[in-house]
């Protein structure tokens, strides 16, 4: 939980690589850090689903002046993160407090 404690103490900008950080993308980094903080919550019911994470990252990618949207070539990892989820991640994918993913028959409402 070192990351979470650094975020709570407002040290995000100190742990980011200065080569990627600039005045235009600070807000996007803060949004990603907030999302990451939600993803590592101890209680699985409080964590976002993979579909919710992918949706929020896609929204961040669409924001103007975002470094990934301005680059001519998106890295392989970023391309994977922003691509459509495979069909095996069907509606209602959730995570339990043990961190295991399971598929439910419920529809996810976003």
PDB file of N, CA and C in Angstrom:
ATOM      1  N   UNK A   1       0.803  -1.191   0.000  1.00  0.00           N
ATOM      2  CA  UNK A   1       0.000   0.000   0.000  1.00  0.00           C
ATOM      3  C   UNK A   1       0.851   1.263   0.000  1.00  0.00           C
ATOM      4  N   UNK A   2       2.101   1.119  -0.375  1.00  0.00           N
ATOM      5  CA  UNK A   2       3.006   2.260  -0.440  1.00  0.00           C
ATOM      6  C   UNK A   2       2.483   3.307  -1.416  1.00  0.00           C
ATOM      7  N   UNK A   3       1.998   2.850  -2.563  1.00  0.00           N
ATOM      8  CA  UNK A   3       1.452   3.755  -3.578  1.00  0.00           C
ATOM      9  C   UNK A   3       0.288   4.564  -3.012  1.00  0.00           C
ATOM     10  N   UNK A   4      -0.634   3.897  -2.340  1.00  0.00           N
ATOM     11  CA  UNK A   4      -1.809   4.566  -1.786  1.00  0.00           C
ATOM     12  C   UNK A   4      -1.400   5.603  -0.752  1.00  0.00           C
ATOM     13  N   UNK A   5      -0.443   5.268   0.101  1.00  0.00           N
ATOM     14  CA  UNK A   5      -0.019   6.241   1.116  1.00  0.00           C
ATOM     15  C   UNK A   5       0.655   7.447   0.470  1.00  0.00           C
ATOM     16  N   UNK A   6       1.413   7.242  -0.597  1.00  0.00           N
ATOM     17  CA  UNK A   6       2.020   8.379  -1.293  1.00  0.00           C
ATOM     18  C   UNK A   6       0.965   9.271  -1.939  1.00  0.00           C
ATOM     19  N   UNK A   7      -0.069   8.666  -2.486  1.00  0.00           N
ATOM     20  CA  UNK A   7      -1.143   9.440  -3.103  1.00  0.00           C
ATOM     21  C   UNK A   7      -1.885  10.239  -2.033  1.00  0.00           C
ATOM     22  N   UNK A   8      -2.176   9.600  -0.899  1.00  0.00           N
ATOM     23  CA  UNK A   8      -2.881  10.292   0.183  1.00  0.00           C
ATOM     24  C   UNK A   8      -2.082  11.481   0.704  1.00  0.00           C
ATOM     25  N   UNK A   9      -0.767  11.346   0.710  1.00  0.00           N
ATOM     26  CA  UNK A   9       0.095  12.420   1.210  1.00  0.00           C
ATOM     27  C   UNK A   9       0.472  13.412   0.110  1.00  0.00           C
ATOM     28  N   UNK A  10      -0.177  13.285  -1.048  1.00  0.00           N
ATOM     29  CA  UNK A  10       0.006  14.212  -2.170  1.00  0.00           C
ATOM     30  C   UNK A  10       1.433  14.204  -2.741  1.00  0.00           C
ATOM     31  N   UNK A  11       2.024  13.014  -2.867  1.00  0.00           N
ATOM     32  CA  UNK A  11       3.366  12.876  -3.426  1.00  0.00           C
ATOM     33  C   UNK A  11       3.361  12.298  -4.841  1.00  0.00           C
ATOM     34  N   UNK A  12       2.222  12.290  -5.498  1.00  0.00           N
ATOM     35  CA  UNK A  12       2.134  11.694  -6.837  1.00  0.00           C
ATOM     36  C   UNK A  12       3.162  12.285  -7.789  1.00  0.00           C
ATOM     37  N   UNK A  13       3.249  13.593  -7.838  1.00  0.00           N
ATOM     38  CA  UNK A  13       4.150  14.242  -8.794  1.00  0.00           C
ATOM     39  C   UNK A  13       5.615  13.949  -8.488  1.00  0.00           C
ATOM     40  N   UNK A  14       5.918  13.580  -7.248  1.00  0.00           N
ATOM     41  CA  UNK A  14       7.293  13.245  -6.877  1.00  0.00           C
ATOM     42  C   UNK A  14       7.703  11.854  -7.351  1.00  0.00           C
ATOM     43  N   UNK A  15       6.726  10.956  -7.521  1.00  0.00           N
ATOM     44  CA  UNK A  15       7.076   9.588  -7.919  1.00  0.00           C
ATOM     45  C   UNK A  15       6.990   9.362  -9.424  1.00  0.00           C
ATOM     46  N   UNK A  16       6.429  10.333 -10.155  1.00  0.00           N
ATOM     47  CA  UNK A  16       6.337  10.198 -11.613  1.00  0.00           C
ATOM     48  C   UNK A  16       7.651  10.581 -12.281  1.00  0.00           C
ATOM     49  N   UNK A  17       7.946   9.918 -13.372  1.00  0.00           N
ATOM     50  CA  UNK A  17       9.154  10.210 -14.140  1.00  0.00           C
ATOM     51  C   UNK A  17       9.023  11.600 -14.762  1.00  0.00           C
ATOM     52  N   UNK A  18       9.958  12.501 -14.487  1.00  0.00           N
ATOM     53  CA  UNK A  18       9.860  13.864 -15.015  1.00  0.00           C
ATOM     54  C   UNK A  18       9.903  13.934 -16.545  1.00  0.00           C
ATOM     55  N   UNK A  19      10.367  12.873 -17.205  1.00  0.00           N
ATOM     56  CA  UNK A  19      10.409  12.878 -18.668  1.00  0.00           C
ATOM     57  C   UNK A  19       9.020  12.785 -19.290  1.00  0.00           C
ATOM     58  N   UNK A  20       8.039  12.266 -18.543  1.00  0.00           N
ATOM     59  CA  UNK A  20       6.682  12.149 -19.082  1.00  0.00           C
ATOM     60  C   UNK A  20       5.722  13.166 -18.480  1.00  0.00           C
ATOM     61  N   UNK A  21       6.140  13.835 -17.438  1.00  0.00           N
ATOM     62  CA  UNK A  21       5.276  14.779 -16.737  1.00  0.00           C
ATOM     63  C   UNK A  21       5.478  16.190 -17.255  1.00  0.00           C
ATOM     64  N   UNK A  22       4.380  16.860 -17.564  1.00  0.00           N
ATOM     65  CA  UNK A  22       4.442  18.275 -17.926  1.00  0.00           C
ATOM     66  C   UNK A  22       3.164  18.959 -17.452  1.00  0.00           C
ATOM     67  N   UNK A  23       3.110  20.267 -17.573  1.00  0.00           N
ATOM     68  CA  UNK A  23       1.961  21.031 -17.074  1.00  0.00           C
ATOM     69  C   UNK A  23       0.655  20.635 -17.745  1.00  0.00           C
ATOM     70  N   UNK A  24       0.736  20.129 -18.959  1.00  0.00           N
ATOM     71  CA  UNK A  24      -0.468  19.804 -19.717  1.00  0.00           C
ATOM     72  C   UNK A  24      -1.081  18.458 -19.349  1.00  0.00           C
ATOM     73  N   UNK A  25      -0.311  17.553 -18.732  1.00  0.00           N
ATOM     74  CA  UNK A  25      -0.856  16.224 -18.465  1.00  0.00           C
ATOM     75  C   UNK A  25      -0.958  15.871 -16.980  1.00  0.00           C
ATOM     76  N   UNK A  26      -0.751  16.826 -16.108  1.00  0.00           N
ATOM     77  CA  UNK A  26      -0.811  16.564 -14.667  1.00  0.00           C
ATOM     78  C   UNK A  26      -2.186  16.037 -14.268  1.00  0.00           C
ATOM     79  N   UNK A  27      -3.242  16.645 -14.785  1.00  0.00           N
ATOM     80  CA  UNK A  27      -4.602  16.216 -14.426  1.00  0.00           C
ATOM     81  C   UNK A  27      -4.863  14.772 -14.847  1.00  0.00           C
ATOM     82  N   UNK A  28      -4.390  14.383 -16.034  1.00  0.00           N
ATOM     83  CA  UNK A  28      -4.588  13.010 -16.490  1.00  0.00           C
ATOM     84  C   UNK A  28      -3.864  12.028 -15.573  1.00  0.00           C
ATOM     85  N   UNK A  29      -2.652  12.369 -15.155  1.00  0.00           N
ATOM     86  CA  UNK A  29      -1.921  11.493 -14.239  1.00  0.00           C
ATOM     87  C   UNK A  29      -2.647  11.375 -12.900  1.00  0.00           C
ATOM     88  N   UNK A  30      -3.212  12.471 -12.434  1.00  0.00           N
ATOM     89  CA  UNK A  30      -3.966  12.428 -11.178  1.00  0.00           C
ATOM     90  C   UNK A  30      -5.194  11.533 -11.318  1.00  0.00           C
ATOM     91  N   UNK A  31      -5.864  11.605 -12.464  1.00  0.00           N
ATOM     92  CA  UNK A  31      -7.037  10.760 -12.705  1.00  0.00           C
ATOM     93  C   UNK A  31      -6.649   9.278 -12.745  1.00  0.00           C
ATOM     94  N   UNK A  32      -5.546   8.964 -13.414  1.00  0.00           N
ATOM     95  CA  UNK A  32      -5.083   7.573 -13.484  1.00  0.00           C
ATOM     96  C   UNK A  32      -4.690   7.083 -12.093  1.00  0.00           C
ATOM     97  N   UNK A  33      -4.034   7.925 -11.308  1.00  0.00           N
ATOM     98  CA  UNK A  33      -3.642   7.544  -9.949  1.00  0.00           C
ATOM     99  C   UNK A  33      -4.869   7.285  -9.083  1.00  0.00           C
ATOM    100  N   UNK A  34      -5.893   8.109  -9.231  1.00  0.00           N
ATOM    101  CA  UNK A  34      -7.130   7.910  -8.473  1.00  0.00           C
ATOM    102  C   UNK A  34      -7.788   6.593  -8.865  1.00  0.00           C
ATOM    103  N   UNK A  35      -7.796   6.300 -10.147  1.00  0.00           N
ATOM    104  CA  UNK A  35      -8.345   5.033 -10.629  1.00  0.00           C
ATOM    105  C   UNK A  35      -7.531   3.858 -10.088  1.00  0.00           C
ATOM    106  N   UNK A  36      -6.213   3.968 -10.129  1.00  0.00           N
ATOM    107  CA  UNK A  36      -5.345   2.901  -9.614  1.00  0.00           C
ATOM    108  C   UNK A  36      -5.583   2.682  -8.124  1.00  0.00           C
ATOM    109  N   UNK A  37      -5.783   3.763  -7.397  1.00  0.00           N
ATOM    110  CA  UNK A  37      -6.045   3.663  -5.957  1.00  0.00           C
ATOM    111  C   UNK A  37      -7.339   2.895  -5.701  1.00  0.00           C
ATOM    112  N   UNK A  38      -8.349   3.128  -6.537  1.00  0.00           N
ATOM    113  CA  UNK A  38      -9.605   2.386  -6.406  1.00  0.00           C
ATOM    114  C   UNK A  38      -9.411   0.907  -6.736  1.00  0.00           C
ATOM    115  N   UNK A  39      -8.513   0.614  -7.671  1.00  0.00           N
ATOM    116  CA  UNK A  39      -8.282  -0.768  -8.111  1.00  0.00           C
ATOM    117  C   UNK A  39      -7.597  -1.628  -7.053  1.00  0.00           C
ATOM    118  N   UNK A  40      -6.887  -1.016  -6.124  1.00  0.00           N
ATOM    119  CA  UNK A  40      -6.152  -1.794  -5.120  1.00  0.00           C
ATOM    120  C   UNK A  40      -6.844  -1.803  -3.762  1.00  0.00           C
ATOM    121  N   UNK A  41      -8.106  -1.434  -3.720  1.00  0.00           N
ATOM    122  CA  UNK A  41      -8.854  -1.495  -2.464  1.00  0.00           C
ATOM    123  C   UNK A  41      -8.898  -2.928  -1.963  1.00  0.00           C
ATOM    124  N   UNK A  42      -8.862  -3.078  -0.655  1.00  0.00           N
ATOM    125  CA  UNK A  42      -8.846  -4.403  -0.036  1.00  0.00           C
ATOM    126  C   UNK A  42     -10.162  -5.136  -0.274  1.00  0.00           C
ATOM    127  N   UNK A  43     -11.263  -4.446  -0.113  1.00  0.00           N
ATOM    128  CA  UNK A  43     -12.574  -5.052  -0.306  1.00  0.00           C
ATOM    129  C   UNK A  43     -12.887  -5.126  -1.801  1.00  0.00           C
ATOM    130  N   UNK A  44     -13.019  -6.324  -2.302  1.00  0.00           N
ATOM    131  CA  UNK A  44     -13.255  -6.530  -3.728  1.00  0.00           C
ATOM    132  C   UNK A  44     -14.525  -5.893  -4.247  1.00  0.00           C
ATOM    133  N   UNK A  45     -15.538  -5.785  -3.394  1.00  0.00           N
ATOM    134  CA  UNK A  45     -16.795  -5.168  -3.808  1.00  0.00           C
ATOM    135  C   UNK A  45     -16.632  -3.679  -4.079  1.00  0.00           C
ATOM    136  N   UNK A  46     -15.586  -3.067  -3.531  1.00  0.00           N
ATOM    137  CA  UNK A  46     -15.344  -1.634  -3.716  1.00  0.00           C
ATOM    138  C   UNK A  46     -14.456  -1.343  -4.924  1.00  0.00           C
ATOM    139  N   UNK A  47     -13.842  -2.392  -5.488  1.00  0.00           N
ATOM    140  CA  UNK A  47     -12.975  -2.199  -6.651  1.00  0.00           C
ATOM    141  C   UNK A  47     -13.807  -2.133  -7.928  1.00  0.00           C
ATOM    142  N   UNK A  48     -13.363  -1.335  -8.910  1.00  0.00           N
ATOM    143  CA  UNK A  48     -14.086  -1.294 -10.188  1.00  0.00           C
ATOM    144  C   UNK A  48     -13.840  -2.578 -10.979  1.00  0.00           C
ATOM    145  N   UNK A  49     -14.773  -2.908 -11.853  1.00  0.00           N
ATOM    146  CA  UNK A  49     -14.592  -4.070 -12.720  1.00  0.00           C
ATOM    147  C   UNK A  49     -13.605  -3.709 -13.830  1.00  0.00           C
ATOM    148  N   UNK A  50     -13.104  -4.711 -14.515  1.00  0.00           N
ATOM    149  CA  UNK A  50     -12.188  -4.462 -15.637  1.00  0.00           C
ATOM    150  C   UNK A  50     -12.880  -3.622 -16.709  1.00  0.00           C
ATOM    151  N   UNK A  51     -14.151  -3.865 -16.921  1.00  0.00           N
ATOM    152  CA  UNK A  51     -14.895  -3.108 -17.927  1.00  0.00           C
ATOM    153  C   UNK A  51     -14.985  -1.631 -17.527  1.00  0.00           C
ATOM    154  N   UNK A  52     -15.224  -1.363 -16.250  1.00  0.00           N
ATOM    155  CA  UNK A  52     -15.279   0.020 -15.770  1.00  0.00           C
ATOM    156  C   UNK A  52     -13.918   0.698 -15.907  1.00  0.00           C
ATOM    157  N   UNK A  53     -12.855  -0.028 -15.580  1.00  0.00           N
ATOM    158  CA  UNK A  53     -11.497   0.516 -15.702  1.00  0.00           C
ATOM    159  C   UNK A  53     -11.200   0.842 -17.163  1.00  0.00           C
ATOM    160  N   UNK A  54     -11.513  -0.087 -18.061  1.00  0.00           N
ATOM    161  CA  UNK A  54     -11.268   0.140 -19.489  1.00  0.00           C
ATOM    162  C   UNK A  54     -12.051   1.352 -19.985  1.00  0.00           C
ATOM    163  N   UNK A  55     -13.281   1.500 -19.514  1.00  0.00           N
ATOM    164  CA  UNK A  55     -14.111   2.641 -19.921  1.00  0.00           C
ATOM    165  C   UNK A  55     -13.490   3.955 -19.437  1.00  0.00           C
ATOM    166  N   UNK A  56     -13.063   3.998 -18.183  1.00  0.00           N
ATOM    167  CA  UNK A  56     -12.464   5.223 -17.646  1.00  0.00           C
ATOM    168  C   UNK A  56     -11.143   5.558 -18.343  1.00  0.00           C
ATOM    169  N   UNK A  57     -10.349   4.536 -18.653  1.00  0.00           N
ATOM    170  CA  UNK A  57      -9.091   4.784 -19.363  1.00  0.00           C
ATOM    171  C   UNK A  57      -9.356   5.294 -20.781  1.00  0.00           C
ATOM    172  N   UNK A  58     -10.389   4.757 -21.418  1.00  0.00           N
ATOM    173  CA  UNK A  58     -10.738   5.231 -22.762  1.00  0.00           C
ATOM    174  C   UNK A  58     -11.170   6.695 -22.721  1.00  0.00           C
ATOM    175  N   UNK A  59     -11.909   7.079 -21.688  1.00  0.00           N
ATOM    176  CA  UNK A  59     -12.303   8.483 -21.537  1.00  0.00           C
ATOM    177  C   UNK A  59     -11.079   9.370 -21.333  1.00  0.00           C
ATOM    178  N   UNK A  60     -10.136   8.895 -20.528  1.00  0.00           N
ATOM    179  CA  UNK A  60      -8.913   9.668 -20.306  1.00  0.00           C
ATOM    180  C   UNK A  60      -8.098   9.786 -21.584  1.00  0.00           C
ATOM    181  N   UNK A  61      -8.082   8.733 -22.378  1.00  0.00           N
ATOM    182  CA  UNK A  61      -7.333   8.759 -23.628  1.00  0.00           C
ATOM    183  C   UNK A  61      -7.910   9.801 -24.580  1.00  0.00           C
ATOM    184  N   UNK A  62      -9.212   9.984 -24.523  1.00  0.00           N
ATOM    185  CA  UNK A  62      -9.873  10.925 -25.423  1.00  0.00           C
ATOM    186  C   UNK A  62      -9.694  12.378 -24.993  1.00  0.00           C
ATOM    187  N   UNK A  63      -9.216  12.603 -23.787  1.00  0.00           N
ATOM    188  CA  UNK A  63      -9.028  13.973 -23.309  1.00  0.00           C
ATOM    189  C   UNK A  63      -7.965  14.671 -24.145  1.00  0.00           C
ATOM    190  N   UNK A  64      -8.174  15.948 -24.462  1.00  0.00           N
ATOM    191  CA  UNK A  64      -7.167  16.683 -25.235  1.00  0.00           C
ATOM    192  C   UNK A  64      -5.875  16.843 -24.450  1.00  0.00           C
ATOM    193  N   UNK A  65      -4.783  16.928 -25.183  1.00  0.00           N
ATOM    194  CA  UNK A  65      -3.446  17.133 -24.629  1.00  0.00           C
ATOM    195  C   UNK A  65      -2.948  15.949 -23.805  1.00  0.00           C
ATOM    196  N   UNK A  66      -3.579  14.813 -23.945  1.00  0.00           N
ATOM    197  CA  UNK A  66      -3.109  13.617 -23.255  1.00  0.00           C
ATOM    198  C   UNK A  66      -1.929  13.069 -24.038  1.00  0.00           C
ATOM    199  N   UNK A  67      -0.820  12.734 -23.388  1.00  0.00           N
ATOM    200  CA  UNK A  67       0.377  12.317 -24.126  1.00  0.00           C
ATOM    201  C   UNK A  67       0.160  11.091 -25.007  1.00  0.00           C
ATOM    202  N   UNK A  68      -0.709  10.148 -24.606  1.00  0.00           N
ATOM    203  CA  UNK A  68      -0.920   8.959 -25.424  1.00  0.00           C
ATOM    204  C   UNK A  68      -1.712   9.295 -26.676  1.00  0.00           C
ATOM    205  N   UNK A  69      -2.634  10.259 -26.593  1.00  0.00           N
ATOM    206  CA  UNK A  69      -3.437  10.581 -27.770  1.00  0.00           C
ATOM    207  C   UNK A  69      -2.654  11.426 -28.762  1.00  0.00           C
ATOM    208  N   UNK A  70      -1.575  12.075 -28.317  1.00  0.00           N
ATOM    209  CA  UNK A  70      -0.783  12.897 -29.209  1.00  0.00           C
ATOM    210  C   UNK A  70       0.340  12.117 -29.885  1.00  0.00           C
ATOM    211  N   UNK A  71       0.740  11.018 -29.311  1.00  0.00           N
ATOM    212  CA  UNK A  71       1.865  10.282 -29.882  1.00  0.00           C
ATOM    213  C   UNK A  71       1.451   9.632 -31.193  1.00  0.00           C
ATOM    214  N   UNK A  72       2.403   9.512 -32.109  1.00  0.00           N
ATOM    215  CA  UNK A  72       2.114   8.933 -33.421  1.00  0.00           C
ATOM    216  C   UNK A  72       1.928   7.432 -33.339  1.00  0.00           C
ATOM    217  N   UNK A  73       2.647   6.792 -32.443  1.00  0.00           N
ATOM    218  CA  UNK A  73       2.500   5.347 -32.308  1.00  0.00           C
ATOM    219  C   UNK A  73       2.241   5.005 -30.850  1.00  0.00           C
ATOM    220  N   UNK A  74       1.188   4.252 -30.640  1.00  0.00           N
ATOM    221  CA  UNK A  74       0.846   3.840 -29.285  1.00  0.00           C
ATOM    222  C   UNK A  74       1.621   2.562 -28.990  1.00  0.00           C
ATOM    223  N   UNK A  75       2.205   2.505 -27.808  1.00  0.00           N
ATOM    224  CA  UNK A  75       2.953   1.322 -27.409  1.00  0.00           C
ATOM    225  C   UNK A  75       2.067   0.098 -27.348  1.00  0.00           C
ATOM    226  N   UNK A  76       2.679  -1.062 -27.414  1.00  0.00           N
ATOM    227  CA  UNK A  76       1.942  -2.315 -27.413  1.00  0.00           C
ATOM    228  C   UNK A  76       1.086  -2.463 -26.158  1.00  0.00           C
ATOM    229  N   UNK A  77       1.632  -2.076 -25.003  1.00  0.00           N
ATOM    230  CA  UNK A  77       0.883  -2.192 -23.755  1.00  0.00           C
ATOM    231  C   UNK A  77      -0.320  -1.263 -23.743  1.00  0.00           C
ATOM    232  N   UNK A  78      -0.140  -0.023 -24.157  1.00  0.00           N
ATOM    233  CA  UNK A  78      -1.246   0.933 -24.178  1.00  0.00           C
ATOM    234  C   UNK A  78      -2.313   0.483 -25.168  1.00  0.00           C
ATOM    235  N   UNK A  79      -1.891  -0.042 -26.305  1.00  0.00           N
ATOM    236  CA  UNK A  79      -2.839  -0.520 -27.307  1.00  0.00           C
ATOM    237  C   UNK A  79      -3.692  -1.645 -26.732  1.00  0.00           C
ATOM    238  N   UNK A  80      -3.065  -2.551 -25.979  1.00  0.00           N
ATOM    239  CA  UNK A  80      -3.801  -3.644 -25.352  1.00  0.00           C
ATOM    240  C   UNK A  80      -4.805  -3.105 -24.335  1.00  0.00           C
ATOM    241  N   UNK A  81      -4.375  -2.130 -23.524  1.00  0.00           N
ATOM    242  CA  UNK A  81      -5.252  -1.577 -22.495  1.00  0.00           C
ATOM    243  C   UNK A  81      -6.472  -0.893 -23.084  1.00  0.00           C
ATOM    244  N   UNK A  82      -6.311  -0.237 -24.234  1.00  0.00           N
ATOM    245  CA  UNK A  82      -7.399   0.524 -24.806  1.00  0.00           C
ATOM    246  C   UNK A  82      -8.177  -0.248 -25.863  1.00  0.00           C
ATOM    247  N   UNK A  83      -7.798  -1.478 -26.137  1.00  0.00           N
ATOM    248  CA  UNK A  83      -8.528  -2.271 -27.124  1.00  0.00           C
ATOM    249  C   UNK A  83      -9.803  -2.816 -26.487  1.00  0.00           C
ATOM    250  N   UNK A  84     -10.690  -3.338 -27.326  1.00  0.00           N
ATOM    251  CA  UNK A  84     -11.929  -3.930 -26.814  1.00  0.00           C
ATOM    252  C   UNK A  84     -11.601  -5.132 -25.958  1.00  0.00           C
ATOM    253  N   UNK A  85     -12.408  -5.340 -24.934  1.00  0.00           N
ATOM    254  CA  UNK A  85     -12.220  -6.497 -24.075  1.00  0.00           C
ATOM    255  C   UNK A  85     -12.622  -7.756 -24.827  1.00  0.00           C
ATOM    256  N   UNK A  86     -11.910  -8.861 -24.599  1.00  0.00           N
ATOM    257  CA  UNK A  86     -12.310 -10.111 -25.236  1.00  0.00           C
ATOM    258  C   UNK A  86     -13.705 -10.513 -24.763  1.00  0.00           C
ATOM    259  N   UNK A  87     -14.381 -11.305 -25.561  1.00  0.00           N
ATOM    260  CA  UNK A  87     -15.750 -11.691 -25.233  1.00  0.00           C
ATOM    261  C   UNK A  87     -15.828 -12.489 -23.941  1.00  0.00           C
ATOM    262  N   UNK A  88     -14.724 -13.076 -23.476  1.00  0.00           N
ATOM    263  CA  UNK A  88     -14.745 -13.833 -22.229  1.00  0.00           C
ATOM    264  C   UNK A  88     -14.979 -12.933 -21.028  1.00  0.00           C
ATOM    265  N   UNK A  89     -14.766 -11.614 -21.187  1.00  0.00           N
ATOM    266  CA  UNK A  89     -15.079 -10.670 -20.121  1.00  0.00           C
ATOM    267  C   UNK A  89     -16.493 -10.168 -20.341  1.00  0.00           C
ATOM    268  N   UNK A  90     -17.453 -11.049 -20.188  1.00  0.00           N
ATOM    269  CA  UNK A  90     -18.838 -10.721 -20.472  1.00  0.00           C
ATOM    270  C   UNK A  90     -19.424  -9.761 -19.463  1.00  0.00           C
ATOM    271  N   UNK A  91     -20.666  -9.421 -19.714  1.00  0.00           N
ATOM    272  CA  UNK A  91     -21.384  -8.532 -18.816  1.00  0.00           C
ATOM    273  C   UNK A  91     -21.413  -9.154 -17.426  1.00  0.00           C
ATOM    274  N   UNK A  92     -21.279  -8.329 -16.423  1.00  0.00           N
ATOM    275  CA  UNK A  92     -21.390  -8.793 -15.053  1.00  0.00           C
ATOM    276  C   UNK A  92     -20.110  -9.338 -14.472  1.00  0.00           C
ATOM    277  N   UNK A  93     -18.954  -9.083 -15.087  1.00  0.00           N
ATOM    278  CA  UNK A  93     -17.695  -9.549 -14.512  1.00  0.00           C
ATOM    279  C   UNK A  93     -17.448  -8.789 -13.220  1.00  0.00           C
ATOM    280  N   UNK A  94     -17.177  -9.524 -12.168  1.00  0.00           N
ATOM    281  CA  UNK A  94     -16.921  -8.895 -10.870  1.00  0.00           C
ATOM    282  C   UNK A  94     -15.685  -9.489 -10.256  1.00  0.00           C
ATOM    283  N   UNK A  95     -15.210  -8.880  -9.191  1.00  0.00           N
ATOM    284  CA  UNK A  95     -14.090  -9.434  -8.483  1.00  0.00           C
ATOM    285  C   UNK A  95     -14.450  -9.604  -7.026  1.00  0.00           C
ATOM    286  N   UNK A  96     -14.067 -10.692  -6.456  1.00  0.00           N
ATOM    287  CA  UNK A  96     -14.384 -10.950  -5.053  1.00  0.00           C
ATOM    288  C   UNK A  96     -13.309 -10.350  -4.164  1.00  0.00           C
ATOM    289  N   UNK A  97     -13.546 -10.394  -2.859  1.00  0.00           N
ATOM    290  CA  UNK A  97     -12.566  -9.825  -1.941  1.00  0.00           C
ATOM    291  C   UNK A  97     -11.277 -10.643  -1.937  1.00  0.00           C
ATOM    292  N   UNK A  98     -11.313 -11.851  -2.451  1.00  0.00           N
ATOM    293  CA  UNK A  98     -10.106 -12.669  -2.552  1.00  0.00           C
ATOM    294  C   UNK A  98      -9.312 -12.312  -3.802  1.00  0.00           C
ATOM    295  N   UNK A  99      -9.858 -11.477  -4.657  1.00  0.00           N
ATOM    296  CA  UNK A  99      -9.148 -11.058  -5.854  1.00  0.00           C
ATOM    297  C   UNK A  99      -9.370 -11.975  -7.042  1.00  0.00           C
ATOM    298  N   UNK A 100     -10.281 -12.926  -6.932  1.00  0.00           N
ATOM    299  CA  UNK A 100     -10.559 -13.837  -8.043  1.00  0.00           C
ATOM    300  C   UNK A 100     -11.702 -13.279  -8.873  1.00  0.00           C
ATOM    301  N   UNK A 101     -11.581 -13.382 -10.173  1.00  0.00           N
ATOM    302  CA  UNK A 101     -12.639 -12.912 -11.055  1.00  0.00           C
ATOM    303  C   UNK A 101     -13.658 -14.020 -11.253  1.00  0.00           C
ATOM    304  N   UNK A 102     -14.910 -13.628 -11.313  1.00  0.00           N
ATOM    305  CA  UNK A 102     -15.962 -14.596 -11.589  1.00  0.00           C
ATOM    306  C   UNK A 102     -16.980 -13.951 -12.511  1.00  0.00           C
ATOM    307  N   UNK A 103     -17.676 -14.766 -13.255  1.00  0.00           N
ATOM    308  CA  UNK A 103     -18.681 -14.273 -14.182  1.00  0.00           C
ATOM    309  C   UNK A 103     -20.055 -14.569 -13.586  1.00  0.00           C
ATOM    310  N   UNK A 104     -20.854 -13.528 -13.473  1.00  0.00           N
ATOM    311  CA  UNK A 104     -22.218 -13.663 -12.967  1.00  0.00           C
ATOM    312  C   UNK A 104     -23.191 -13.527 -14.124  1.00  0.00           C
ATOM    313  N   UNK A 105     -24.429 -13.901 -13.878  1.00  0.00           N
ATOM    314  CA  UNK A 105     -25.459 -13.789 -14.905  1.00  0.00           C
ATOM    315  C   UNK A 105     -26.152 -12.437 -14.889  1.00  0.00           C
ATOM    316  N   UNK A 106     -25.669 -11.506 -14.101  1.00  0.00           N
ATOM    317  CA  UNK A 106     -26.263 -10.175 -14.010  1.00  0.00           C
ATOM    318  C   UNK A 106     -25.735  -9.299 -15.129  1.00  0.00           C
ATOM    319  N   UNK A 107     -26.524  -8.337 -15.548  1.00  0.00           N
ATOM    320  CA  UNK A 107     -26.063  -7.352 -16.523  1.00  0.00           C
ATOM    321  C   UNK A 107     -25.437  -6.186 -15.791  1.00  0.00           C
ATOM    322  N   UNK A 108     -24.327  -5.704 -16.291  1.00  0.00           N
ATOM    323  CA  UNK A 108     -23.634  -4.562 -15.706  1.00  0.00           C
ATOM    324  C   UNK A 108     -24.272  -3.286 -16.218  1.00  0.00           C
ATOM    325  N   UNK A 109     -24.656  -2.422 -15.311  1.00  0.00           N
ATOM    326  CA  UNK A 109     -25.247  -1.142 -15.695  1.00  0.00           C
ATOM    327  C   UNK A 109     -24.235  -0.058 -15.403  1.00  0.00           C
ATOM    328  N   UNK A 110     -23.838   0.661 -16.443  1.00  0.00           N
ATOM    329  CA  UNK A 110     -22.849   1.736 -16.284  1.00  0.00           C
ATOM    330  C   UNK A 110     -23.542   3.059 -16.419  1.00  0.00           C
TER     331      UNK A 110
END
